[in-house]
Amino acid sequence: MYRIEVGPGDLAASRFGIAPLHETITALGLAAGRAPAGPVGPWVERARPRYASIAADPAVRALAFLRRRHGYMADFVQPPPGRPNLTAAEQLAVARATPLAQAREEIARNLDGLPAPEDAVRAVLHAPDVVRRLSDALEAAWAALVEPDWPVLRSILEQDIVHRAGRLAAYGWAEALDGLSRQVRWRGGMIEVDIPDEGAYRLDGAGLMFVPTVFSELGVALERNWPYTLMYRARGVAALWEGREPRAGREPRAGREPRDDDALARLLGRTRADLLRALAEPATTTWLSARLRVSLGGAGDHLAVLRASGLVTRERSGRSVLYRRTAMGDMLVGAS
């Protein structure tokens, strides 16, 4: 169990971030079968052919080999985000700038306790240009596995950040950690993280970096040279695959007629009613489009009508625009 001591200034100093390379390395491990698919099984099934298209590269297989569920994993291939809204290109630049000595030390620590790799993977991990080769493999994995789904992925992560950051700012540590994971709890000025390892740490006013993820379970990064980071599975990950393929026996929601007992759908139309109901929490157009199985342009058009009618409002969060229900929208949904 890890114990992280929190001081009086750590709440204000804590922040949230998105880590594209962490999503990439964990997605790669899932597609390669290095970890159980868990709740993202439908995405893994869809991604396996994409992994097969890059798996001939031994550097890609070396990255997948380094992926482990528990225990240390090399930091330079998945650097924690130093600030919110980092892009994959910015994180790749950090990875490529890693000194060779640091990379060798981290790889050796990562390999400790793992079985011997295949010869081609071992050759990559001992190569003099290992930083370049693993960084190139990261870029290939990002392009094949994560980038095609990144708009929806980022929407899921940003929606979770809005929810969790609001709880942290309004109610403090206990409420922000509640529901994050059954393995995380707040106890007397201490964050306890129940994962296989031991250690006691202090934030000392630097705060904690919260990083929601889609493809990984709970994790911590408590290395000296990085921000102390807590990674946790974001809510609503099913939006990543729901809506991409029609469900058996069901027509897309946009094509259904309103039920006789659905007064809101009869007033607004089925799609606008579904959008308004889905906005129980702030969401992006991309997330709503994937969730409700309507086109991105169609969702945007309907949201514009709802906004002009005073039922939703919008605000910018980082690189995205989040929609939320107004009080009048809440009243309509509640009444229906």
C-alpha atoms as a PDB file:
ATOM      1  CA  MET A   1       0.000   0.000   0.000  1.00  0.00           C
ATOM      2  CA  TYR A   2       1.156   3.528  -0.808  1.00  0.00           C
ATOM      3  CA  ARG A   3       0.462   6.316   1.673  1.00  0.00           C
ATOM      4  CA  ILE A   4       0.639   9.907   0.453  1.00  0.00           C
ATOM      5  CA  GLU A   5       0.616  12.579   3.139  1.00  0.00           C
ATOM      6  CA  VAL A   6      -1.250  15.737   2.202  1.00  0.00           C
ATOM      7  CA  GLY A   7      -0.497  19.179   3.622  1.00  0.00           C
ATOM      8  CA  PRO A   8      -2.584  22.378   3.830  1.00  0.00           C
ATOM      9  CA  GLY A   9      -1.336  23.805   0.524  1.00  0.00           C
ATOM     10  CA  ASP A  10      -1.668  20.647  -1.540  1.00  0.00           C
ATOM     11  CA  LEU A  11      -5.339  21.000  -2.387  1.00  0.00           C
ATOM     12  CA  ALA A  12      -4.832  24.295  -4.229  1.00  0.00           C
ATOM     13  CA  ALA A  13      -1.675  22.989  -5.932  1.00  0.00           C
ATOM     14  CA  SER A  14      -3.278  19.789  -7.243  1.00  0.00           C
ATOM     15  CA  ARG A  15      -4.217  19.649 -10.912  1.00  0.00           C
ATOM     16  CA  PHE A  16      -5.496  17.375 -13.653  1.00  0.00           C
ATOM     17  CA  GLY A  17      -3.894  16.296 -16.891  1.00  0.00           C
ATOM     18  CA  ILE A  18      -4.283  14.091 -19.943  1.00  0.00           C
ATOM     19  CA  ALA A  19      -1.388  11.831 -20.988  1.00  0.00           C
ATOM     20  CA  PRO A  20      -1.637  10.652 -24.624  1.00  0.00           C
ATOM     21  CA  LEU A  21       1.477   8.476 -24.370  1.00  0.00           C
ATOM     22  CA  HIS A  22       0.180   6.727 -21.261  1.00  0.00           C
ATOM     23  CA  GLU A  23      -2.976   5.902 -23.191  1.00  0.00           C
ATOM     24  CA  THR A  24      -0.793   4.701 -26.076  1.00  0.00           C
ATOM     25  CA  ILE A  25       1.416   2.368 -24.049  1.00  0.00           C
ATOM     26  CA  THR A  26      -1.513   0.890 -22.141  1.00  0.00           C
ATOM     27  CA  ALA A  27      -3.581   0.469 -25.325  1.00  0.00           C
ATOM     28  CA  LEU A  28      -0.590  -1.263 -26.917  1.00  0.00           C
ATOM     29  CA  GLY A  29      -0.321  -3.658 -23.980  1.00  0.00           C
ATOM     30  CA  LEU A  30      -4.001  -4.534 -24.259  1.00  0.00           C
ATOM     31  CA  ALA A  31      -3.933  -5.059 -28.022  1.00  0.00           C
ATOM     32  CA  ALA A  32      -0.824  -7.230 -27.667  1.00  0.00           C
ATOM     33  CA  GLY A  33      -2.434  -9.366 -24.953  1.00  0.00           C
ATOM     34  CA  ARG A  34      -0.056  -8.230 -22.197  1.00  0.00           C
ATOM     35  CA  ALA A  35      -2.962  -7.406 -19.849  1.00  0.00           C
ATOM     36  CA  PRO A  36      -6.603  -8.470 -19.503  1.00  0.00           C
ATOM     37  CA  ALA A  37      -8.988  -6.391 -21.576  1.00  0.00           C
ATOM     38  CA  GLY A  38     -11.368  -5.809 -18.658  1.00  0.00           C
ATOM     39  CA  PRO A  39     -14.121  -3.245 -19.297  1.00  0.00           C
ATOM     40  CA  VAL A  40     -12.604  -2.100 -22.617  1.00  0.00           C
ATOM     41  CA  GLY A  41     -12.881  -5.554 -24.225  1.00  0.00           C
ATOM     42  CA  PRO A  42     -15.016  -4.352 -27.171  1.00  0.00           C
ATOM     43  CA  TRP A  43     -12.364  -1.788 -28.098  1.00  0.00           C
ATOM     44  CA  VAL A  44      -9.558  -4.362 -27.807  1.00  0.00           C
ATOM     45  CA  GLU A  45     -11.323  -6.692 -30.241  1.00  0.00           C
ATOM     46  CA  ARG A  46     -11.589  -3.867 -32.740  1.00  0.00           C
ATOM     47  CA  ALA A  47      -7.954  -2.788 -32.220  1.00  0.00           C
ATOM     48  CA  ARG A  48      -6.229  -6.161 -32.631  1.00  0.00           C
ATOM     49  CA  PRO A  49      -6.023  -5.973 -36.455  1.00  0.00           C
ATOM     50  CA  ARG A  50      -4.487  -2.507 -36.102  1.00  0.00           C
ATOM     51  CA  TYR A  51      -1.886  -3.908 -33.717  1.00  0.00           C
ATOM     52  CA  ALA A  52      -1.117  -6.722 -36.157  1.00  0.00           C
ATOM     53  CA  SER A  53      -0.319  -4.085 -38.799  1.00  0.00           C
ATOM     54  CA  ILE A  54       2.597  -2.711 -36.715  1.00  0.00           C
ATOM     55  CA  ALA A  55       3.666  -5.797 -34.751  1.00  0.00           C
ATOM     56  CA  ALA A  56       6.311  -6.836 -37.314  1.00  0.00           C
ATOM     57  CA  ASP A  57       8.497  -4.034 -35.922  1.00  0.00           C
ATOM     58  CA  PRO A  58      10.556  -5.487 -33.033  1.00  0.00           C
ATOM     59  CA  ALA A  59      10.608  -2.050 -31.367  1.00  0.00           C
ATOM     60  CA  VAL A  60       6.802  -2.132 -31.156  1.00  0.00           C
ATOM     61  CA  ARG A  61       7.009  -5.613 -29.614  1.00  0.00           C
ATOM     62  CA  ALA A  62       9.675  -4.310 -27.222  1.00  0.00           C
ATOM     63  CA  LEU A  63       7.318  -1.566 -26.046  1.00  0.00           C
ATOM     64  CA  ALA A  64       4.551  -4.106 -25.558  1.00  0.00           C
ATOM     65  CA  PHE A  65       6.952  -6.349 -23.629  1.00  0.00           C
ATOM     66  CA  LEU A  66       7.762  -3.524 -21.202  1.00  0.00           C
ATOM     67  CA  ARG A  67       4.076  -3.116 -20.373  1.00  0.00           C
ATOM     68  CA  ARG A  68       3.274  -4.645 -16.983  1.00  0.00           C
ATOM     69  CA  ARG A  69       0.184  -4.468 -14.813  1.00  0.00           C
ATOM     70  CA  HIS A  70       2.006  -4.102 -11.505  1.00  0.00           C
ATOM     71  CA  GLY A  71       5.507  -2.958 -10.757  1.00  0.00           C
ATOM     72  CA  TYR A  72       7.704  -0.282 -12.241  1.00  0.00           C
ATOM     73  CA  MET A  73       7.500   0.643 -15.921  1.00  0.00           C
ATOM     74  CA  ALA A  74      10.023   2.891 -17.690  1.00  0.00           C
ATOM     75  CA  ASP A  75       8.989   6.499 -17.211  1.00  0.00           C
ATOM     76  CA  PHE A  76      10.481   7.960 -20.357  1.00  0.00           C
ATOM     77  CA  VAL A  77       8.054   6.104 -22.633  1.00  0.00           C
ATOM     78  CA  GLN A  78       5.038   7.340 -20.664  1.00  0.00           C
ATOM     79  CA  PRO A  79       6.002  10.649 -19.017  1.00  0.00           C
ATOM     80  CA  PRO A  80       3.369  12.098 -16.673  1.00  0.00           C
ATOM     81  CA  PRO A  81       1.901  15.315 -18.072  1.00  0.00           C
ATOM     82  CA  GLY A  82       3.676  18.356 -16.678  1.00  0.00           C
ATOM     83  CA  ARG A  83       0.628  20.475 -17.528  1.00  0.00           C
ATOM     84  CA  PRO A  84      -2.927  19.943 -18.789  1.00  0.00           C
ATOM     85  CA  ASN A  85      -3.759  19.469 -22.470  1.00  0.00           C
ATOM     86  CA  LEU A  86      -0.390  18.153 -23.626  1.00  0.00           C
ATOM     87  CA  THR A  87      -0.470  16.733 -27.138  1.00  0.00           C
ATOM     88  CA  ALA A  88       1.021  13.432 -28.249  1.00  0.00           C
ATOM     89  CA  ALA A  89       3.632  15.337 -30.272  1.00  0.00           C
ATOM     90  CA  GLU A  90       4.721  17.291 -27.187  1.00  0.00           C
ATOM     91  CA  GLN A  91       5.014  14.133 -25.103  1.00  0.00           C
ATOM     92  CA  LEU A  92       6.915  12.363 -27.889  1.00  0.00           C
ATOM     93  CA  ALA A  93       9.408  15.238 -27.914  1.00  0.00           C
ATOM     94  CA  VAL A  94       9.970  14.659 -24.177  1.00  0.00           C
ATOM     95  CA  ALA A  95      10.511  10.930 -24.778  1.00  0.00           C
ATOM     96  CA  ARG A  96      12.968  11.542 -27.646  1.00  0.00           C
ATOM     97  CA  ALA A  97      15.027  13.922 -25.480  1.00  0.00           C
ATOM     98  CA  THR A  98      15.689  11.252 -22.822  1.00  0.00           C
ATOM     99  CA  PRO A  99      19.425  10.794 -22.093  1.00  0.00           C
ATOM    100  CA  LEU A 100      20.652   7.308 -23.001  1.00  0.00           C
ATOM    101  CA  ALA A 101      21.943   6.613 -19.464  1.00  0.00           C
ATOM    102  CA  GLN A 102      18.536   7.412 -17.960  1.00  0.00           C
ATOM    103  CA  ALA A 103      16.750   5.245 -20.514  1.00  0.00           C
ATOM    104  CA  ARG A 104      19.071   2.292 -19.844  1.00  0.00           C
ATOM    105  CA  GLU A 105      18.557   2.616 -16.079  1.00  0.00           C
ATOM    106  CA  GLU A 106      14.773   2.751 -16.417  1.00  0.00           C
ATOM    107  CA  ILE A 107      14.660  -0.175 -18.870  1.00  0.00           C
ATOM    108  CA  ALA A 108      16.814  -2.326 -16.573  1.00  0.00           C
ATOM    109  CA  ARG A 109      14.514  -1.550 -13.656  1.00  0.00           C
ATOM    110  CA  ASN A 110      11.474  -2.289 -15.836  1.00  0.00           C
ATOM    111  CA  LEU A 111      12.882  -5.673 -16.915  1.00  0.00           C
ATOM    112  CA  ASP A 112      13.573  -6.796 -13.346  1.00  0.00           C
ATOM    113  CA  GLY A 113      11.259  -9.711 -12.609  1.00  0.00           C
ATOM    114  CA  LEU A 114      10.064 -10.160 -16.195  1.00  0.00           C
ATOM    115  CA  PRO A 115      10.858 -13.319 -18.196  1.00  0.00           C
ATOM    116  CA  ALA A 116      13.588 -13.167 -20.828  1.00  0.00           C
ATOM    117  CA  PRO A 117      12.371 -11.426 -24.000  1.00  0.00           C
ATOM    118  CA  GLU A 118      12.715 -12.816 -27.527  1.00  0.00           C
ATOM    119  CA  ASP A 119      16.054 -12.139 -29.241  1.00  0.00           C
ATOM    120  CA  ALA A 120      14.731  -9.366 -31.509  1.00  0.00           C
ATOM    121  CA  VAL A 121      13.198  -7.533 -28.537  1.00  0.00           C
ATOM    122  CA  ARG A 122      16.385  -7.918 -26.490  1.00  0.00           C
ATOM    123  CA  ALA A 123      18.392  -6.442 -29.362  1.00  0.00           C
ATOM    124  CA  VAL A 124      16.169  -3.353 -29.401  1.00  0.00           C
ATOM    125  CA  LEU A 125      16.390  -2.861 -25.646  1.00  0.00           C
ATOM    126  CA  HIS A 126      20.207  -3.069 -25.733  1.00  0.00           C
ATOM    127  CA  ALA A 127      20.679  -1.013 -28.906  1.00  0.00           C
ATOM    128  CA  PRO A 128      22.720   2.226 -28.736  1.00  0.00           C
ATOM    129  CA  ASP A 129      19.769   4.047 -30.371  1.00  0.00           C
ATOM    130  CA  VAL A 130      17.148   2.489 -28.062  1.00  0.00           C
ATOM    131  CA  VAL A 131      15.619   5.903 -27.222  1.00  0.00           C
ATOM    132  CA  ARG A 132      15.008   6.708 -30.885  1.00  0.00           C
ATOM    133  CA  ARG A 133      13.692   3.227 -31.706  1.00  0.00           C
ATOM    134  CA  LEU A 134      11.256   3.093 -28.787  1.00  0.00           C
ATOM    135  CA  SER A 135      10.120   6.671 -29.480  1.00  0.00           C
ATOM    136  CA  ASP A 136       9.476   5.785 -33.123  1.00  0.00           C
ATOM    137  CA  ALA A 137       7.538   2.711 -31.973  1.00  0.00           C
ATOM    138  CA  LEU A 138       5.481   4.898 -29.640  1.00  0.00           C
ATOM    139  CA  GLU A 139       4.638   7.196 -32.530  1.00  0.00           C
ATOM    140  CA  ALA A 140       3.618   4.217 -34.683  1.00  0.00           C
ATOM    141  CA  ALA A 141       1.448   2.794 -31.882  1.00  0.00           C
ATOM    142  CA  TRP A 142      -0.168   6.191 -31.319  1.00  0.00           C
ATOM    143  CA  ALA A 143      -0.993   6.545 -35.033  1.00  0.00           C
ATOM    144  CA  ALA A 144      -2.358   2.993 -35.378  1.00  0.00           C
ATOM    145  CA  LEU A 145      -4.183   2.437 -32.089  1.00  0.00           C
ATOM    146  CA  VAL A 146      -5.066   5.684 -30.363  1.00  0.00           C
ATOM    147  CA  GLU A 147      -5.130   8.602 -32.800  1.00  0.00           C
ATOM    148  CA  PRO A 148      -8.137   7.290 -34.801  1.00  0.00           C
ATOM    149  CA  ASP A 149     -10.204   7.301 -31.592  1.00  0.00           C
ATOM    150  CA  TRP A 150      -8.588  10.327 -29.950  1.00  0.00           C
ATOM    151  CA  PRO A 151     -11.467  12.828 -30.334  1.00  0.00           C
ATOM    152  CA  VAL A 152     -13.826  10.511 -28.415  1.00  0.00           C
ATOM    153  CA  LEU A 153     -11.080   9.421 -26.012  1.00  0.00           C
ATOM    154  CA  ARG A 154     -10.182  13.010 -25.179  1.00  0.00           C
ATOM    155  CA  SER A 155     -13.857  13.866 -24.677  1.00  0.00           C
ATOM    156  CA  ILE A 156     -14.235  11.012 -22.178  1.00  0.00           C
ATOM    157  CA  LEU A 157     -11.165  12.186 -20.262  1.00  0.00           C
ATOM    158  CA  GLU A 158     -12.139  15.859 -20.270  1.00  0.00           C
ATOM    159  CA  GLN A 159     -15.649  15.071 -19.098  1.00  0.00           C
ATOM    160  CA  ASP A 160     -14.214  13.085 -16.194  1.00  0.00           C
ATOM    161  CA  ILE A 161     -11.837  15.930 -15.318  1.00  0.00           C
ATOM    162  CA  VAL A 162     -14.684  18.448 -15.162  1.00  0.00           C
ATOM    163  CA  HIS A 163     -16.572  16.153 -12.783  1.00  0.00           C
ATOM    164  CA  ARG A 164     -13.618  15.247 -10.556  1.00  0.00           C
ATOM    165  CA  ALA A 165     -12.045  18.725 -10.443  1.00  0.00           C
ATOM    166  CA  GLY A 166     -15.389  20.196  -9.456  1.00  0.00           C
ATOM    167  CA  ARG A 167     -15.663  17.796  -6.528  1.00  0.00           C
ATOM    168  CA  LEU A 168     -12.083  18.519  -5.438  1.00  0.00           C
ATOM    169  CA  ALA A 169     -12.561  22.293  -5.553  1.00  0.00           C
ATOM    170  CA  ALA A 170     -15.991  22.315  -3.913  1.00  0.00           C
ATOM    171  CA  TYR A 171     -15.698  19.579  -1.288  1.00  0.00           C
ATOM    172  CA  GLY A 172     -12.043  18.662  -0.784  1.00  0.00           C
ATOM    173  CA  TRP A 173     -10.036  15.464  -0.839  1.00  0.00           C
ATOM    174  CA  ALA A 174     -12.551  13.015   0.585  1.00  0.00           C
ATOM    175  CA  GLU A 175     -15.238  13.812  -1.987  1.00  0.00           C
ATOM    176  CA  ALA A 176     -12.780  13.963  -4.903  1.00  0.00           C
ATOM    177  CA  LEU A 177     -11.427  10.495  -4.059  1.00  0.00           C
ATOM    178  CA  ASP A 178     -14.843   8.991  -3.367  1.00  0.00           C
ATOM    179  CA  GLY A 179     -15.806   6.682  -6.217  1.00  0.00           C
ATOM    180  CA  LEU A 180     -12.447   7.053  -7.941  1.00  0.00           C
ATOM    181  CA  SER A 181     -11.529   3.448  -7.104  1.00  0.00           C
ATOM    182  CA  ARG A 182     -12.256   0.960  -4.349  1.00  0.00           C
ATOM    183  CA  GLN A 183      -8.484   0.830  -3.860  1.00  0.00           C
ATOM    184  CA  VAL A 184      -8.192   4.535  -3.000  1.00  0.00           C
ATOM    185  CA  ARG A 185      -9.405   6.146   0.213  1.00  0.00           C
ATOM    186  CA  TRP A 186      -8.922   9.260   2.308  1.00  0.00           C
ATOM    187  CA  ARG A 187      -7.927   8.638   5.908  1.00  0.00           C
ATOM    188  CA  GLY A 188      -6.869  11.337   8.352  1.00  0.00           C
ATOM    189  CA  GLY A 189      -4.856  13.611   6.088  1.00  0.00           C
ATOM    190  CA  MET A 190      -3.514  10.692   4.061  1.00  0.00           C
ATOM    191  CA  ILE A 191      -4.330   9.245   0.639  1.00  0.00           C
ATOM    192  CA  GLU A 192      -4.084   5.455   0.793  1.00  0.00           C
ATOM    193  CA  VAL A 193      -3.613   3.580  -2.492  1.00  0.00           C
ATOM    194  CA  ASP A 194      -4.051  -0.156  -2.095  1.00  0.00           C
ATOM    195  CA  ILE A 195      -1.811  -1.627  -4.814  1.00  0.00           C
ATOM    196  CA  PRO A 196       1.014  -4.194  -4.491  1.00  0.00           C
ATOM    197  CA  ASP A 197       3.943  -2.197  -3.103  1.00  0.00           C
ATOM    198  CA  GLU A 198       4.896  -0.199  -0.060  1.00  0.00           C
ATOM    199  CA  GLY A 199       5.913   3.394   0.411  1.00  0.00           C
ATOM    200  CA  ALA A 200       5.203   6.622   2.280  1.00  0.00           C
ATOM    201  CA  TYR A 201       5.398   9.975   0.505  1.00  0.00           C
ATOM    202  CA  ARG A 202       4.663  13.640   1.197  1.00  0.00           C
ATOM    203  CA  LEU A 203       3.376  16.132  -1.320  1.00  0.00           C
ATOM    204  CA  ASP A 204       5.051  19.041   0.517  1.00  0.00           C
ATOM    205  CA  GLY A 205       2.924  21.701  -1.146  1.00  0.00           C
ATOM    206  CA  ALA A 206       3.482  20.491  -4.715  1.00  0.00           C
ATOM    207  CA  GLY A 207       0.013  18.953  -4.945  1.00  0.00           C
ATOM    208  CA  LEU A 208      -1.016  15.801  -6.770  1.00  0.00           C
ATOM    209  CA  MET A 209      -1.449  15.320 -10.516  1.00  0.00           C
ATOM    210  CA  PHE A 210      -4.677  13.436 -11.300  1.00  0.00           C
ATOM    211  CA  VAL A 211      -4.624  11.660 -14.670  1.00  0.00           C
ATOM    212  CA  PRO A 212      -7.817   9.923 -15.821  1.00  0.00           C
ATOM    213  CA  THR A 213      -7.211   7.107 -18.296  1.00  0.00           C
ATOM    214  CA  VAL A 214      -9.346   4.842 -20.464  1.00  0.00           C
ATOM    215  CA  PHE A 215      -7.072   1.864 -21.061  1.00  0.00           C
ATOM    216  CA  SER A 216      -5.428   1.245 -17.685  1.00  0.00           C
ATOM    217  CA  GLU A 217      -6.359   0.451 -14.143  1.00  0.00           C
ATOM    218  CA  LEU A 218      -5.326   2.365 -11.056  1.00  0.00           C
ATOM    219  CA  GLY A 219      -1.667   3.405 -10.946  1.00  0.00           C
ATOM    220  CA  VAL A 220       0.737   5.812  -9.278  1.00  0.00           C
ATOM    221  CA  ALA A 221       3.915   7.532 -10.415  1.00  0.00           C
ATOM    222  CA  LEU A 222       5.979   8.626  -7.426  1.00  0.00           C
ATOM    223  CA  GLU A 223       9.408   9.124  -8.974  1.00  0.00           C
ATOM    224  CA  ARG A 224      11.723  11.926  -7.878  1.00  0.00           C
ATOM    225  CA  ASN A 225      11.985  13.612 -11.282  1.00  0.00           C
ATOM    226  CA  TRP A 226       8.266  13.678 -12.119  1.00  0.00           C
ATOM    227  CA  PRO A 227       5.149  15.209 -10.560  1.00  0.00           C
ATOM    228  CA  TYR A 228       3.537  12.797  -8.093  1.00  0.00           C
ATOM    229  CA  THR A 229       0.723  11.336 -10.155  1.00  0.00           C
ATOM    230  CA  LEU A 230      -2.386   9.263  -9.481  1.00  0.00           C
ATOM    231  CA  MET A 231      -3.856   7.532 -12.561  1.00  0.00           C
ATOM    232  CA  TYR A 232      -7.376   6.148 -12.447  1.00  0.00           C
ATOM    233  CA  ARG A 233      -9.932   4.786 -14.898  1.00  0.00           C
ATOM    234  CA  ALA A 234     -12.231   7.511 -16.233  1.00  0.00           C
ATOM    235  CA  ARG A 235     -15.978   7.140 -16.114  1.00  0.00           C
ATOM    236  CA  GLY A 236     -18.005   6.551 -19.254  1.00  0.00           C
ATOM    237  CA  VAL A 237     -15.389   4.589 -21.230  1.00  0.00           C
ATOM    238  CA  ALA A 238     -18.137   2.704 -23.103  1.00  0.00           C
ATOM    239  CA  ALA A 239     -18.626   5.809 -25.262  1.00  0.00           C
ATOM    240  CA  LEU A 240     -15.415   4.735 -27.032  1.00  0.00           C
ATOM    241  CA  TRP A 241     -17.176   1.901 -28.822  1.00  0.00           C
ATOM    242  CA  GLU A 242     -20.892   2.465 -28.302  1.00  0.00           C
ATOM    243  CA  GLY A 243     -22.371   3.992 -31.397  1.00  0.00           C
ATOM    244  CA  ARG A 244     -19.598   2.853 -33.762  1.00  0.00           C
ATOM    245  CA  GLU A 245     -21.558  -0.235 -34.797  1.00  0.00           C
ATOM    246  CA  PRO A 246     -25.353  -0.744 -34.710  1.00  0.00           C
ATOM    247  CA  ARG A 247     -26.501  -2.976 -31.877  1.00  0.00           C
ATOM    248  CA  ALA A 248     -28.183  -6.190 -32.908  1.00  0.00           C
ATOM    249  CA  GLY A 249     -31.951  -5.865 -33.042  1.00  0.00           C
ATOM    250  CA  ARG A 250     -31.937  -2.097 -32.544  1.00  0.00           C
ATOM    251  CA  GLU A 251     -32.241   0.799 -34.904  1.00  0.00           C
ATOM    252  CA  PRO A 252     -30.116   3.926 -34.336  1.00  0.00           C
ATOM    253  CA  ARG A 253     -31.722   6.227 -31.816  1.00  0.00           C
ATOM    254  CA  ALA A 254     -32.083   9.042 -34.302  1.00  0.00           C
ATOM    255  CA  GLY A 255     -34.425   6.886 -36.391  1.00  0.00           C
ATOM    256  CA  ARG A 256     -36.804   5.870 -33.618  1.00  0.00           C
ATOM    257  CA  GLU A 257     -40.233   7.373 -33.199  1.00  0.00           C
ATOM    258  CA  PRO A 258     -40.994   8.910 -29.798  1.00  0.00           C
ATOM    259  CA  ARG A 259     -42.860   6.618 -27.420  1.00  0.00           C
ATOM    260  CA  ASP A 260     -46.371   7.674 -26.521  1.00  0.00           C
ATOM    261  CA  ASP A 261     -45.312   8.077 -22.877  1.00  0.00           C
ATOM    262  CA  ASP A 262     -42.158  10.104 -23.672  1.00  0.00           C
ATOM    263  CA  ALA A 263     -43.466  13.650 -23.419  1.00  0.00           C
ATOM    264  CA  LEU A 264     -40.008  15.239 -23.747  1.00  0.00           C
ATOM    265  CA  ALA A 265     -39.320  13.448 -27.036  1.00  0.00           C
ATOM    266  CA  ARG A 266     -42.716  14.450 -28.389  1.00  0.00           C
ATOM    267  CA  LEU A 267     -42.008  18.062 -27.467  1.00  0.00           C
ATOM    268  CA  LEU A 268     -38.413  18.343 -28.688  1.00  0.00           C
ATOM    269  CA  GLY A 269     -37.937  15.371 -31.012  1.00  0.00           C
ATOM    270  CA  ARG A 270     -36.196  12.121 -30.138  1.00  0.00           C
ATOM    271  CA  THR A 271     -32.605  13.190 -30.770  1.00  0.00           C
ATOM    272  CA  ARG A 272     -32.857  16.512 -28.933  1.00  0.00           C
ATOM    273  CA  ALA A 273     -34.539  14.809 -25.980  1.00  0.00           C
ATOM    274  CA  ASP A 274     -31.771  12.197 -25.872  1.00  0.00           C
ATOM    275  CA  LEU A 275     -29.124  14.921 -26.026  1.00  0.00           C
ATOM    276  CA  LEU A 276     -30.740  16.860 -23.205  1.00  0.00           C
ATOM    277  CA  ARG A 277     -30.982  13.730 -21.036  1.00  0.00           C
ATOM    278  CA  ALA A 278     -27.355  12.805 -21.786  1.00  0.00           C
ATOM    279  CA  LEU A 279     -26.231  16.199 -20.472  1.00  0.00           C
ATOM    280  CA  ALA A 280     -26.755  15.227 -16.850  1.00  0.00           C
ATOM    281  CA  GLU A 281     -23.055  16.191 -16.697  1.00  0.00           C
ATOM    282  CA  PRO A 282     -21.086  18.470 -19.051  1.00  0.00           C
ATOM    283  CA  ALA A 283     -20.043  16.789 -22.307  1.00  0.00           C
ATOM    284  CA  THR A 284     -18.485  17.578 -25.670  1.00  0.00           C
ATOM    285  CA  THR A 285     -20.196  17.267 -29.033  1.00  0.00           C
ATOM    286  CA  THR A 286     -17.834  14.397 -29.893  1.00  0.00           C
ATOM    287  CA  TRP A 287     -18.767  12.427 -26.781  1.00  0.00           C
ATOM    288  CA  LEU A 288     -22.481  13.016 -27.322  1.00  0.00           C
ATOM    289  CA  SER A 289     -22.202  11.995 -30.971  1.00  0.00           C
ATOM    290  CA  ALA A 290     -20.539   8.698 -30.053  1.00  0.00           C
ATOM    291  CA  ARG A 291     -22.850   8.053 -27.118  1.00  0.00           C
ATOM    292  CA  LEU A 292     -26.100   8.640 -29.014  1.00  0.00           C
ATOM    293  CA  ARG A 293     -25.010   7.264 -32.384  1.00  0.00           C
ATOM    294  CA  VAL A 294     -25.680  10.396 -34.378  1.00  0.00           C
ATOM    295  CA  SER A 295     -23.326  12.217 -36.725  1.00  0.00           C
ATOM    296  CA  LEU A 296     -21.033  14.888 -35.318  1.00  0.00           C
ATOM    297  CA  GLY A 297     -22.670  17.528 -37.510  1.00  0.00           C
ATOM    298  CA  GLY A 298     -26.154  16.371 -36.535  1.00  0.00           C
ATOM    299  CA  ALA A 299     -25.341  16.523 -32.838  1.00  0.00           C
ATOM    300  CA  GLY A 300     -23.910  20.021 -33.309  1.00  0.00           C
ATOM    301  CA  ASP A 301     -27.014  21.222 -35.141  1.00  0.00           C
ATOM    302  CA  HIS A 302     -29.362  19.888 -32.462  1.00  0.00           C
ATOM    303  CA  LEU A 303     -27.215  21.380 -29.686  1.00  0.00           C
ATOM    304  CA  ALA A 304     -27.378  24.752 -31.433  1.00  0.00           C
ATOM    305  CA  VAL A 305     -31.181  24.604 -31.357  1.00  0.00           C
ATOM    306  CA  LEU A 306     -31.187  23.573 -27.680  1.00  0.00           C
ATOM    307  CA  ARG A 307     -28.781  26.417 -26.890  1.00  0.00           C
ATOM    308  CA  ALA A 308     -30.876  28.981 -28.777  1.00  0.00           C
ATOM    309  CA  SER A 309     -33.891  27.766 -26.790  1.00  0.00           C
ATOM    310  CA  GLY A 310     -32.103  28.347 -23.479  1.00  0.00           C
ATOM    311  CA  LEU A 311     -31.983  24.644 -22.571  1.00  0.00           C
ATOM    312  CA  VAL A 312     -28.199  24.187 -22.757  1.00  0.00           C
ATOM    313  CA  THR A 313     -25.173  26.423 -22.489  1.00  0.00           C
ATOM    314  CA  ARG A 314     -21.571  25.933 -23.484  1.00  0.00           C
ATOM    315  CA  GLU A 315     -18.154  26.855 -22.157  1.00  0.00           C
ATOM    316  CA  ARG A 316     -14.564  26.195 -23.177  1.00  0.00           C
ATOM    317  CA  SER A 317     -12.428  23.689 -21.223  1.00  0.00           C
ATOM    318  CA  GLY A 318      -8.867  23.526 -22.526  1.00  0.00           C
ATOM    319  CA  ARG A 319      -9.056  22.599 -26.209  1.00  0.00           C
ATOM    320  CA  SER A 320     -12.685  21.491 -26.078  1.00  0.00           C
ATOM    321  CA  VAL A 321     -16.146  23.029 -25.735  1.00  0.00           C
ATOM    322  CA  LEU A 322     -18.376  21.479 -23.089  1.00  0.00           C
ATOM    323  CA  TYR A 323     -22.173  21.678 -23.176  1.00  0.00           C
ATOM    324  CA  ARG A 324     -24.279  21.585 -20.027  1.00  0.00           C
ATOM    325  CA  ARG A 325     -27.966  21.823 -19.222  1.00  0.00           C
ATOM    326  CA  THR A 326     -29.366  25.082 -17.936  1.00  0.00           C
ATOM    327  CA  ALA A 327     -31.809  25.232 -15.026  1.00  0.00           C
ATOM    328  CA  MET A 328     -34.646  25.270 -17.569  1.00  0.00           C
ATOM    329  CA  GLY A 329     -33.195  22.155 -19.215  1.00  0.00           C
ATOM    330  CA  ASP A 330     -33.010  20.438 -15.826  1.00  0.00           C
ATOM    331  CA  MET A 331     -36.642  21.293 -15.176  1.00  0.00           C
ATOM    332  CA  LEU A 332     -37.780  19.853 -18.511  1.00  0.00           C
ATOM    333  CA  VAL A 333     -35.871  16.607 -17.988  1.00  0.00           C
ATOM    334  CA  GLY A 334     -37.103  16.306 -14.424  1.00  0.00           C
ATOM    335  CA  ALA A 335     -40.688  16.940 -15.413  1.00  0.00           C
ATOM    336  CA  SER A 336     -40.538  14.284 -18.122  1.00  0.00           C
END
